[in-house]
C-alpha cells in the first residue's frame, strides 16, 4: 500500500510518487495594486507586475501543467487605489483575463 498508518502514532506516510493528487492549485497573495507612485517601503504599482509574472508562469511553465485552478489570497487592491477604483479594477481584470486557468 502507498499509505501506511502506524496505530501507535498520528504519523501517516504517503508515497507521492505513487499517488496522483485530486487537484493542484496556483496561489498568489496580497498583490495590493494601485496606480500610484511608490512610497517605500510600499510599492503599490508593483503589485500588477507580480500578478503578470504569476499569470505568465501558470500559463507557460511545464512545472504547473496540471494546475487545476488559481486563487488570489489577500487584498487585490491597495488602499491607495480608493480614488481610482474603477481604473485599478480594470487593469487588474485585464491581467487576470489572460490567465488560461480557472
PDB file of N, CA and C in Angstrom:
ATOM      1  N   UNK A   1       0.843  -1.187   0.000  1.00  0.00           N
ATOM      2  CA  UNK A   1       0.000   0.000   0.000  1.00  0.00           C
ATOM      3  C   UNK A   1       0.882   1.242   0.000  1.00  0.00           C
ATOM      4  N   UNK A   2       0.433   2.276  -0.697  1.00  0.00           N
ATOM      5  CA  UNK A   2       1.223   3.501  -0.742  1.00  0.00           C
ATOM      6  C   UNK A   2       1.000   4.354   0.497  1.00  0.00           C
ATOM      7  N   UNK A   3       0.082   3.956   1.351  1.00  0.00           N
ATOM      8  CA  UNK A   3      -0.184   4.722   2.570  1.00  0.00           C
ATOM      9  C   UNK A   3      -0.166   3.773   3.762  1.00  0.00           C
ATOM     10  N   UNK A   4       0.709   4.055   4.716  1.00  0.00           N
ATOM     11  CA  UNK A   4       0.811   3.223   5.910  1.00  0.00           C
ATOM     12  C   UNK A   4       0.474   4.059   7.130  1.00  0.00           C
ATOM     13  N   UNK A   5      -0.345   3.520   8.009  1.00  0.00           N
ATOM     14  CA  UNK A   5      -0.728   4.223   9.223  1.00  0.00           C
ATOM     15  C   UNK A   5      -0.250   3.416  10.412  1.00  0.00           C
ATOM     16  N   UNK A   6       0.544   4.028  11.245  1.00  0.00           N
ATOM     17  CA  UNK A   6       1.034   3.403  12.461  1.00  0.00           C
ATOM     18  C   UNK A   6      -0.040   3.582  13.533  1.00  0.00           C
ATOM     19  N   UNK A   7      -0.559   2.501  14.065  1.00  0.00           N
ATOM     20  CA  UNK A   7      -1.658   2.549  15.028  1.00  0.00           C
ATOM     21  C   UNK A   7      -1.256   3.211  16.340  1.00  0.00           C
ATOM     22  N   UNK A   8       0.049   3.354  16.589  1.00  0.00           N
ATOM     23  CA  UNK A   8       0.501   3.900  17.848  1.00  0.00           C
ATOM     24  C   UNK A   8       0.908   5.374  17.768  1.00  0.00           C
ATOM     25  N   UNK A   9       0.706   5.991  16.614  1.00  0.00           N
ATOM     26  CA  UNK A   9       1.038   7.405  16.473  1.00  0.00           C
ATOM     27  C   UNK A   9       0.098   8.045  15.457  1.00  0.00           C
ATOM     28  N   UNK A  10       0.237   9.321  15.290  1.00  0.00           N
ATOM     29  CA  UNK A  10      -0.596  10.016  14.309  1.00  0.00           C
ATOM     30  C   UNK A  10       0.171  10.262  13.019  1.00  0.00           C
ATOM     31  N   UNK A  11       1.284   9.598  12.850  1.00  0.00           N
ATOM     32  CA  UNK A  11       2.111   9.769  11.665  1.00  0.00           C
ATOM     33  C   UNK A  11       1.524   8.977  10.497  1.00  0.00           C
ATOM     34  N   UNK A  12       1.409   9.636   9.354  1.00  0.00           N
ATOM     35  CA  UNK A  12       0.935   8.978   8.136  1.00  0.00           C
ATOM     36  C   UNK A  12       2.000   9.173   7.070  1.00  0.00           C
ATOM     37  N   UNK A  13       2.426   8.097   6.439  1.00  0.00           N
ATOM     38  CA  UNK A  13       3.399   8.169   5.357  1.00  0.00           C
ATOM     39  C   UNK A  13       2.676   8.001   4.033  1.00  0.00           C
ATOM     40  N   UNK A  14       2.977   8.868   3.094  1.00  0.00           N
ATOM     41  CA  UNK A  14       2.317   8.827   1.794  1.00  0.00           C
ATOM     42  C   UNK A  14       3.374   8.866   0.709  1.00  0.00           C
ATOM     43  N   UNK A  15       3.332   7.916  -0.182  1.00  0.00           N
ATOM     44  CA  UNK A  15       4.266   7.866  -1.303  1.00  0.00           C
ATOM     45  C   UNK A  15       3.703   8.749  -2.415  1.00  0.00           C
ATOM     46  N   UNK A  16       4.221   9.966  -2.543  1.00  0.00           N
ATOM     47  CA  UNK A  16       3.678  10.899  -3.526  1.00  0.00           C
ATOM     48  C   UNK A  16       3.990  10.494  -4.954  1.00  0.00           C
ATOM     49  N   UNK A  17       5.002   9.687  -5.140  1.00  0.00           N
ATOM     50  CA  UNK A  17       5.313   9.206  -6.479  1.00  0.00           C
ATOM     51  C   UNK A  17       4.222   8.273  -6.989  1.00  0.00           C
ATOM     52  N   UNK A  18       3.596   7.523  -6.090  1.00  0.00           N
ATOM     53  CA  UNK A  18       2.581   6.553  -6.477  1.00  0.00           C
ATOM     54  C   UNK A  18       1.171   7.131  -6.455  1.00  0.00           C
ATOM     55  N   UNK A  19       1.027   8.347  -5.953  1.00  0.00           N
ATOM     56  CA  UNK A  19      -0.300   8.934  -5.810  1.00  0.00           C
ATOM     57  C   UNK A  19      -0.490  10.089  -6.776  1.00  0.00           C
ATOM     58  N   UNK A  20      -1.656  10.166  -7.351  1.00  0.00           N
ATOM     59  CA  UNK A  20      -1.996  11.290  -8.204  1.00  0.00           C
ATOM     60  C   UNK A  20      -2.885  12.224  -7.386  1.00  0.00           C
ATOM     61  N   UNK A  21      -2.542  13.514  -7.311  1.00  0.00           N
ATOM     62  CA  UNK A  21      -3.355  14.427  -6.500  1.00  0.00           C
ATOM     63  C   UNK A  21      -4.753  14.597  -7.093  1.00  0.00           C
ATOM     64  N   UNK A  22      -5.715  14.871  -6.228  1.00  0.00           N
ATOM     65  CA  UNK A  22      -7.075  15.131  -6.686  1.00  0.00           C
ATOM     66  C   UNK A  22      -7.132  16.437  -7.462  1.00  0.00           C
ATOM     67  N   UNK A  23      -6.340  17.416  -7.037  1.00  0.00           N
ATOM     68  CA  UNK A  23      -6.239  18.700  -7.725  1.00  0.00           C
ATOM     69  C   UNK A  23      -4.953  19.382  -7.300  1.00  0.00           C
ATOM     70  N   UNK A  24      -4.555  20.375  -8.055  1.00  0.00           N
ATOM     71  CA  UNK A  24      -3.432  21.217  -7.687  1.00  0.00           C
ATOM     72  C   UNK A  24      -3.885  22.668  -7.804  1.00  0.00           C
ATOM     73  N   UNK A  25      -3.251  23.539  -7.043  1.00  0.00           N
ATOM     74  CA  UNK A  25      -3.668  24.937  -7.038  1.00  0.00           C
ATOM     75  C   UNK A  25      -2.470  25.855  -7.221  1.00  0.00           C
ATOM     76  N   UNK A  26      -2.699  26.945  -7.931  1.00  0.00           N
ATOM     77  CA  UNK A  26      -1.730  28.031  -8.022  1.00  0.00           C
ATOM     78  C   UNK A  26      -2.192  29.110  -7.063  1.00  0.00           C
ATOM     79  N   UNK A  27      -1.297  29.646  -6.270  1.00  0.00           N
ATOM     80  CA  UNK A  27      -1.672  30.657  -5.275  1.00  0.00           C
ATOM     81  C   UNK A  27      -0.846  31.922  -5.448  1.00  0.00           C
ATOM     82  N   UNK A  28      -1.507  33.049  -5.233  1.00  0.00           N
ATOM     83  CA  UNK A  28      -0.833  34.344  -5.173  1.00  0.00           C
ATOM     84  C   UNK A  28      -1.514  35.114  -4.054  1.00  0.00           C
ATOM     85  N   UNK A  29      -0.768  35.938  -3.379  1.00  0.00           N
ATOM     86  CA  UNK A  29      -1.353  36.615  -2.215  1.00  0.00           C
ATOM     87  C   UNK A  29      -0.979  38.087  -2.163  1.00  0.00           C
ATOM     88  N   UNK A  30      -1.946  38.884  -1.768  1.00  0.00           N
ATOM     89  CA  UNK A  30      -1.715  40.275  -1.434  1.00  0.00           C
ATOM     90  C   UNK A  30      -1.020  41.114  -2.480  1.00  0.00           C
ATOM     91  N   UNK A  31      -1.482  41.125  -3.714  1.00  0.00           N
ATOM     92  CA  UNK A  31      -0.836  41.959  -4.727  1.00  0.00           C
ATOM     93  C   UNK A  31      -0.979  43.440  -4.397  1.00  0.00           C
ATOM     94  N   UNK A  32      -2.073  43.842  -3.797  1.00  0.00           N
ATOM     95  CA  UNK A  32      -2.314  45.210  -3.344  1.00  0.00           C
ATOM     96  C   UNK A  32      -1.898  46.245  -4.385  1.00  0.00           C
ATOM     97  N   UNK A  33      -2.510  46.151  -5.563  1.00  0.00           N
ATOM     98  CA  UNK A  33      -2.198  47.047  -6.663  1.00  0.00           C
ATOM     99  C   UNK A  33      -2.892  48.396  -6.541  1.00  0.00           C
ATOM    100  N   UNK A  34      -2.186  49.455  -6.921  1.00  0.00           N
ATOM    101  CA  UNK A  34      -2.741  50.798  -7.089  1.00  0.00           C
ATOM    102  C   UNK A  34      -1.845  51.536  -8.078  1.00  0.00           C
ATOM    103  N   UNK A  35      -2.429  52.284  -8.971  1.00  0.00           N
ATOM    104  CA  UNK A  35      -1.668  53.040  -9.957  1.00  0.00           C
ATOM    105  C   UNK A  35      -1.231  54.367  -9.339  1.00  0.00           C
ATOM    106  N   UNK A  36      -0.329  54.275  -8.376  1.00  0.00           N
ATOM    107  CA  UNK A  36       0.205  55.442  -7.685  1.00  0.00           C
ATOM    108  C   UNK A  36       1.715  55.296  -7.563  1.00  0.00           C
ATOM    109  N   UNK A  37       2.358  56.386  -7.285  1.00  0.00           N
ATOM    110  CA  UNK A  37       3.809  56.369  -7.103  1.00  0.00           C
ATOM    111  C   UNK A  37       4.172  55.532  -5.873  1.00  0.00           C
ATOM    112  N   UNK A  38       5.316  54.888  -5.957  1.00  0.00           N
ATOM    113  CA  UNK A  38       5.807  54.122  -4.824  1.00  0.00           C
ATOM    114  C   UNK A  38       6.199  55.057  -3.689  1.00  0.00           C
ATOM    115  N   UNK A  39       5.933  54.609  -2.482  1.00  0.00           N
ATOM    116  CA  UNK A  39       6.336  55.333  -1.276  1.00  0.00           C
ATOM    117  C   UNK A  39       6.948  54.304  -0.333  1.00  0.00           C
ATOM    118  N   UNK A  40       8.274  54.052  -0.494  1.00  0.00           N
ATOM    119  CA  UNK A  40       8.905  52.988   0.278  1.00  0.00           C
ATOM    120  C   UNK A  40       8.504  53.031   1.745  1.00  0.00           C
ATOM    121  N   UNK A  41       8.261  51.886   2.328  1.00  0.00           N
ATOM    122  CA  UNK A  41       8.526  50.549   1.800  1.00  0.00           C
ATOM    123  C   UNK A  41       7.399  49.996   0.923  1.00  0.00           C
ATOM    124  N   UNK A  42       6.312  50.728   0.751  1.00  0.00           N
ATOM    125  CA  UNK A  42       5.195  50.219  -0.059  1.00  0.00           C
ATOM    126  C   UNK A  42       5.452  50.479  -1.534  1.00  0.00           C
ATOM    127  N   UNK A  43       5.077  49.499  -2.366  1.00  0.00           N
ATOM    128  CA  UNK A  43       5.235  49.613  -3.808  1.00  0.00           C
ATOM    129  C   UNK A  43       3.935  49.175  -4.476  1.00  0.00           C
ATOM    130  N   UNK A  44       2.874  49.976  -4.369  1.00  0.00           N
ATOM    131  CA  UNK A  44       1.566  49.542  -4.856  1.00  0.00           C
ATOM    132  C   UNK A  44       1.498  49.303  -6.367  1.00  0.00           C
ATOM    133  N   UNK A  45       2.256  50.027  -7.146  1.00  0.00           N
ATOM    134  CA  UNK A  45       2.230  49.823  -8.600  1.00  0.00           C
ATOM    135  C   UNK A  45       2.871  48.482  -8.971  1.00  0.00           C
ATOM    136  N   UNK A  46       3.786  48.030  -8.173  1.00  0.00           N
ATOM    137  CA  UNK A  46       4.498  46.763  -8.422  1.00  0.00           C
ATOM    138  C   UNK A  46       3.570  45.550  -8.318  1.00  0.00           C
ATOM    139  N   UNK A  47       2.454  45.673  -7.608  1.00  0.00           N
ATOM    140  CA  UNK A  47       1.526  44.553  -7.443  1.00  0.00           C
ATOM    141  C   UNK A  47       1.018  43.994  -8.759  1.00  0.00           C
ATOM    142  N   UNK A  48       0.790  44.863  -9.745  1.00  0.00           N
ATOM    143  CA  UNK A  48       0.310  44.404 -11.044  1.00  0.00           C
ATOM    144  C   UNK A  48       1.392  43.608 -11.775  1.00  0.00           C
ATOM    145  N   UNK A  49       2.643  44.012 -11.609  1.00  0.00           N
ATOM    146  CA  UNK A  49       3.753  43.277 -12.229  1.00  0.00           C
ATOM    147  C   UNK A  49       3.893  41.886 -11.623  1.00  0.00           C
ATOM    148  N   UNK A  50       3.714  41.791 -10.323  1.00  0.00           N
ATOM    149  CA  UNK A  50       3.771  40.488  -9.658  1.00  0.00           C
ATOM    150  C   UNK A  50       2.669  39.577 -10.207  1.00  0.00           C
ATOM    151  N   UNK A  51       1.474  40.119 -10.355  1.00  0.00           N
ATOM    152  CA  UNK A  51       0.365  39.342 -10.911  1.00  0.00           C
ATOM    153  C   UNK A  51       0.659  38.913 -12.338  1.00  0.00           C
ATOM    154  N   UNK A  52       1.211  39.795 -13.158  1.00  0.00           N
ATOM    155  CA  UNK A  52       1.553  39.458 -14.545  1.00  0.00           C
ATOM    156  C   UNK A  52       2.541  38.295 -14.592  1.00  0.00           C
ATOM    157  N   UNK A  53       3.547  38.332 -13.718  1.00  0.00           N
ATOM    158  CA  UNK A  53       4.526  37.238 -13.693  1.00  0.00           C
ATOM    159  C   UNK A  53       3.896  35.925 -13.258  1.00  0.00           C
ATOM    160  N   UNK A  54       2.976  35.999 -12.302  1.00  0.00           N
ATOM    161  CA  UNK A  54       2.278  34.786 -11.873  1.00  0.00           C
ATOM    162  C   UNK A  54       1.461  34.189 -12.997  1.00  0.00           C
ATOM    163  N   UNK A  55       0.700  35.016 -13.699  1.00  0.00           N
ATOM    164  CA  UNK A  55      -0.118  34.542 -14.821  1.00  0.00           C
ATOM    165  C   UNK A  55       0.764  33.927 -15.896  1.00  0.00           C
ATOM    166  N   UNK A  56       1.862  34.586 -16.222  1.00  0.00           N
ATOM    167  CA  UNK A  56       2.774  34.052 -17.238  1.00  0.00           C
ATOM    168  C   UNK A  56       3.335  32.694 -16.803  1.00  0.00           C
ATOM    169  N   UNK A  57       3.712  32.571 -15.542  1.00  0.00           N
ATOM    170  CA  UNK A  57       4.260  31.314 -15.039  1.00  0.00           C
ATOM    171  C   UNK A  57       3.228  30.192 -15.122  1.00  0.00           C
ATOM    172  N   UNK A  58       1.991  30.452 -14.658  1.00  0.00           N
ATOM    173  CA  UNK A  58       0.967  29.411 -14.678  1.00  0.00           C
ATOM    174  C   UNK A  58       0.608  28.993 -16.092  1.00  0.00           C
ATOM    175  N   UNK A  59       0.714  29.899 -17.025  1.00  0.00           N
ATOM    176  CA  UNK A  59       0.319  29.601 -18.401  1.00  0.00           C
ATOM    177  C   UNK A  59       1.425  28.997 -19.247  1.00  0.00           C
ATOM    178  N   UNK A  60       2.694  29.137 -18.846  1.00  0.00           N
ATOM    179  CA  UNK A  60       3.786  28.678 -19.714  1.00  0.00           C
ATOM    180  C   UNK A  60       4.694  27.622 -19.103  1.00  0.00           C
ATOM    181  N   UNK A  61       4.728  27.488 -17.805  1.00  0.00           N
ATOM    182  CA  UNK A  61       5.663  26.573 -17.164  1.00  0.00           C
ATOM    183  C   UNK A  61       5.183  25.129 -17.238  1.00  0.00           C
ATOM    184  N   UNK A  62       6.078  24.244 -17.628  1.00  0.00           N
ATOM    185  CA  UNK A  62       5.737  22.819 -17.639  1.00  0.00           C
ATOM    186  C   UNK A  62       5.597  22.287 -16.215  1.00  0.00           C
ATOM    187  N   UNK A  63       6.150  23.003 -15.237  1.00  0.00           N
ATOM    188  CA  UNK A  63       6.052  22.577 -13.848  1.00  0.00           C
ATOM    189  C   UNK A  63       4.627  22.655 -13.319  1.00  0.00           C
ATOM    190  N   UNK A  64       3.824  23.504 -13.911  1.00  0.00           N
ATOM    191  CA  UNK A  64       2.458  23.691 -13.417  1.00  0.00           C
ATOM    192  C   UNK A  64       1.425  23.273 -14.458  1.00  0.00           C
ATOM    193  N   UNK A  65       1.803  22.328 -15.296  1.00  0.00           N
ATOM    194  CA  UNK A  65       0.899  21.894 -16.365  1.00  0.00           C
ATOM    195  C   UNK A  65      -0.413  21.346 -15.825  1.00  0.00           C
ATOM    196  N   UNK A  66      -0.416  20.890 -14.603  1.00  0.00           N
ATOM    197  CA  UNK A  66      -1.617  20.278 -14.052  1.00  0.00           C
ATOM    198  C   UNK A  66      -2.340  21.162 -13.041  1.00  0.00           C
ATOM    199  N   UNK A  67      -2.050  22.457 -13.022  1.00  0.00           N
ATOM    200  CA  UNK A  67      -2.725  23.350 -12.080  1.00  0.00           C
ATOM    201  C   UNK A  67      -4.213  23.382 -12.408  1.00  0.00           C
ATOM    202  N   UNK A  68      -5.029  23.001 -11.439  1.00  0.00           N
ATOM    203  CA  UNK A  68      -6.475  22.931 -11.633  1.00  0.00           C
ATOM    204  C   UNK A  68      -7.121  24.311 -11.592  1.00  0.00           C
ATOM    205  N   UNK A  69      -6.634  25.155 -10.699  1.00  0.00           N
ATOM    206  CA  UNK A  69      -7.184  26.494 -10.554  1.00  0.00           C
ATOM    207  C   UNK A  69      -6.162  27.394  -9.877  1.00  0.00           C
ATOM    208  N   UNK A  70      -6.422  28.693  -9.973  1.00  0.00           N
ATOM    209  CA  UNK A  70      -5.569  29.690  -9.338  1.00  0.00           C
ATOM    210  C   UNK A  70      -6.438  30.501  -8.380  1.00  0.00           C
ATOM    211  N   UNK A  71      -5.903  30.776  -7.196  1.00  0.00           N
ATOM    212  CA  UNK A  71      -6.635  31.572  -6.209  1.00  0.00           C
ATOM    213  C   UNK A  71      -5.773  32.741  -5.752  1.00  0.00           C
ATOM    214  N   UNK A  72      -6.417  33.877  -5.579  1.00  0.00           N
ATOM    215  CA  UNK A  72      -5.738  35.061  -5.036  1.00  0.00           C
ATOM    216  C   UNK A  72      -6.158  35.195  -3.583  1.00  0.00           C
ATOM    217  N   UNK A  73      -5.182  35.180  -2.696  1.00  0.00           N
ATOM    218  CA  UNK A  73      -5.432  35.300  -1.262  1.00  0.00           C
ATOM    219  C   UNK A  73      -5.013  36.694  -0.817  1.00  0.00           C
ATOM    220  N   UNK A  74      -5.821  37.332  -0.066  1.00  0.00           N
ATOM    221  CA  UNK A  74      -5.451  38.653   0.433  1.00  0.00           C
ATOM    222  C   UNK A  74      -6.068  39.767  -0.382  1.00  0.00           C
ATOM    223  N   UNK A  75      -5.492  40.947  -0.233  1.00  0.00           N
ATOM    224  CA  UNK A  75      -6.039  42.140  -0.882  1.00  0.00           C
ATOM    225  C   UNK A  75      -5.569  42.251  -2.328  1.00  0.00           C
ATOM    226  N   UNK A  76      -6.506  42.428  -3.226  1.00  0.00           N
ATOM    227  CA  UNK A  76      -6.212  42.628  -4.641  1.00  0.00           C
ATOM    228  C   UNK A  76      -5.735  44.057  -4.861  1.00  0.00           C
ATOM    229  N   UNK A  77      -6.439  45.012  -4.270  1.00  0.00           N
ATOM    230  CA  UNK A  77      -6.105  46.425  -4.445  1.00  0.00           C
ATOM    231  C   UNK A  77      -5.584  47.029  -3.146  1.00  0.00           C
ATOM    232  N   UNK A  78      -4.666  47.963  -3.300  1.00  0.00           N
ATOM    233  CA  UNK A  78      -4.114  48.681  -2.157  1.00  0.00           C
ATOM    234  C   UNK A  78      -5.079  49.786  -1.739  1.00  0.00           C
ATOM    235  N   UNK A  79      -5.020  50.212  -0.489  1.00  0.00           N
ATOM    236  CA  UNK A  79      -5.874  51.318  -0.043  1.00  0.00           C
ATOM    237  C   UNK A  79      -5.692  52.574  -0.896  1.00  0.00           C
ATOM    238  N   UNK A  80      -4.508  52.762  -1.460  1.00  0.00           N
ATOM    239  CA  UNK A  80      -4.229  53.931  -2.307  1.00  0.00           C
ATOM    240  C   UNK A  80      -5.066  53.944  -3.583  1.00  0.00           C
ATOM    241  N   UNK A  81      -5.668  52.807  -3.945  1.00  0.00           N
ATOM    242  CA  UNK A  81      -6.465  52.712  -5.170  1.00  0.00           C
ATOM    243  C   UNK A  81      -7.874  53.261  -4.990  1.00  0.00           C
ATOM    244  N   UNK A  82      -8.246  53.632  -3.784  1.00  0.00           N
ATOM    245  CA  UNK A  82      -9.615  54.051  -3.499  1.00  0.00           C
ATOM    246  C   UNK A  82     -10.076  55.211  -4.378  1.00  0.00           C
ATOM    247  N   UNK A  83      -9.191  56.147  -4.702  1.00  0.00           N
ATOM    248  CA  UNK A  83      -9.566  57.293  -5.522  1.00  0.00           C
ATOM    249  C   UNK A  83      -9.790  56.956  -6.976  1.00  0.00           C
ATOM    250  N   UNK A  84      -9.241  55.846  -7.439  1.00  0.00           N
ATOM    251  CA  UNK A  84      -9.360  55.443  -8.845  1.00  0.00           C
ATOM    252  C   UNK A  84      -9.706  53.960  -8.924  1.00  0.00           C
ATOM    253  N   UNK A  85     -10.712  53.574  -8.185  1.00  0.00           N
ATOM    254  CA  UNK A  85     -11.071  52.163  -8.047  1.00  0.00           C
ATOM    255  C   UNK A  85     -11.422  51.502  -9.374  1.00  0.00           C
ATOM    256  N   UNK A  86     -12.224  52.159 -10.196  1.00  0.00           N
ATOM    257  CA  UNK A  86     -12.656  51.565 -11.472  1.00  0.00           C
ATOM    258  C   UNK A  86     -11.458  51.283 -12.370  1.00  0.00           C
ATOM    259  N   UNK A  87     -10.528  52.216 -12.463  1.00  0.00           N
ATOM    260  CA  UNK A  87      -9.349  52.021 -13.299  1.00  0.00           C
ATOM    261  C   UNK A  87      -8.445  50.918 -12.775  1.00  0.00           C
ATOM    262  N   UNK A  88      -8.281  50.872 -11.450  1.00  0.00           N
ATOM    263  CA  UNK A  88      -7.439  49.848 -10.844  1.00  0.00           C
ATOM    264  C   UNK A  88      -8.033  48.459 -11.068  1.00  0.00           C
ATOM    265  N   UNK A  89      -9.349  48.336 -10.898  1.00  0.00           N
ATOM    266  CA  UNK A  89     -10.007  47.044 -11.137  1.00  0.00           C
ATOM    267  C   UNK A  89      -9.930  46.646 -12.598  1.00  0.00           C
ATOM    268  N   UNK A  90     -10.056  47.607 -13.504  1.00  0.00           N
ATOM    269  CA  UNK A  90      -9.961  47.315 -14.936  1.00  0.00           C
ATOM    270  C   UNK A  90      -8.567  46.792 -15.285  1.00  0.00           C
ATOM    271  N   UNK A  91      -7.523  47.436 -14.756  1.00  0.00           N
ATOM    272  CA  UNK A  91      -6.152  46.987 -15.011  1.00  0.00           C
ATOM    273  C   UNK A  91      -5.926  45.585 -14.463  1.00  0.00           C
ATOM    274  N   UNK A  92      -6.394  45.344 -13.259  1.00  0.00           N
ATOM    275  CA  UNK A  92      -6.276  44.022 -12.633  1.00  0.00           C
ATOM    276  C   UNK A  92      -7.031  42.983 -13.463  1.00  0.00           C
ATOM    277  N   UNK A  93      -8.248  43.329 -13.887  1.00  0.00           N
ATOM    278  CA  UNK A  93      -9.071  42.410 -14.674  1.00  0.00           C
ATOM    279  C   UNK A  93      -8.449  42.051 -16.006  1.00  0.00           C
ATOM    280  N   UNK A  94      -7.771  42.990 -16.639  1.00  0.00           N
ATOM    281  CA  UNK A  94      -7.104  42.709 -17.922  1.00  0.00           C
ATOM    282  C   UNK A  94      -6.027  41.641 -17.749  1.00  0.00           C
ATOM    283  N   UNK A  95      -5.276  41.717 -16.672  1.00  0.00           N
ATOM    284  CA  UNK A  95      -4.217  40.733 -16.428  1.00  0.00           C
ATOM    285  C   UNK A  95      -4.822  39.377 -16.091  1.00  0.00           C
ATOM    286  N   UNK A  96      -5.817  39.363 -15.229  1.00  0.00           N
ATOM    287  CA  UNK A  96      -6.453  38.101 -14.829  1.00  0.00           C
ATOM    288  C   UNK A  96      -7.093  37.424 -16.038  1.00  0.00           C
ATOM    289  N   UNK A  97      -7.664  38.201 -16.949  1.00  0.00           N
ATOM    290  CA  UNK A  97      -8.322  37.630 -18.128  1.00  0.00           C
ATOM    291  C   UNK A  97      -7.345  36.877 -19.028  1.00  0.00           C
ATOM    292  N   UNK A  98      -6.058  37.196 -18.948  1.00  0.00           N
ATOM    293  CA  UNK A  98      -5.048  36.497 -19.751  1.00  0.00           C
ATOM    294  C   UNK A  98      -4.736  35.099 -19.235  1.00  0.00           C
ATOM    295  N   UNK A  99      -5.061  34.847 -17.981  1.00  0.00           N
ATOM    296  CA  UNK A  99      -4.761  33.555 -17.368  1.00  0.00           C
ATOM    297  C   UNK A  99      -5.633  32.466 -17.980  1.00  0.00           C
ATOM    298  N   UNK A 100      -5.009  31.379 -18.372  1.00  0.00           N
ATOM    299  CA  UNK A 100      -5.726  30.267 -19.005  1.00  0.00           C
ATOM    300  C   UNK A 100      -6.297  29.291 -17.981  1.00  0.00           C
ATOM    301  N   UNK A 101      -6.018  29.534 -16.716  1.00  0.00           N
ATOM    302  CA  UNK A 101      -6.511  28.664 -15.634  1.00  0.00           C
ATOM    303  C   UNK A 101      -7.762  29.268 -15.032  1.00  0.00           C
ATOM    304  N   UNK A 102      -8.680  28.420 -14.539  1.00  0.00           N
ATOM    305  CA  UNK A 102      -9.890  28.981 -13.885  1.00  0.00           C
ATOM    306  C   UNK A 102      -9.550  29.634 -12.560  1.00  0.00           C
TER     307      UNK A 102
END
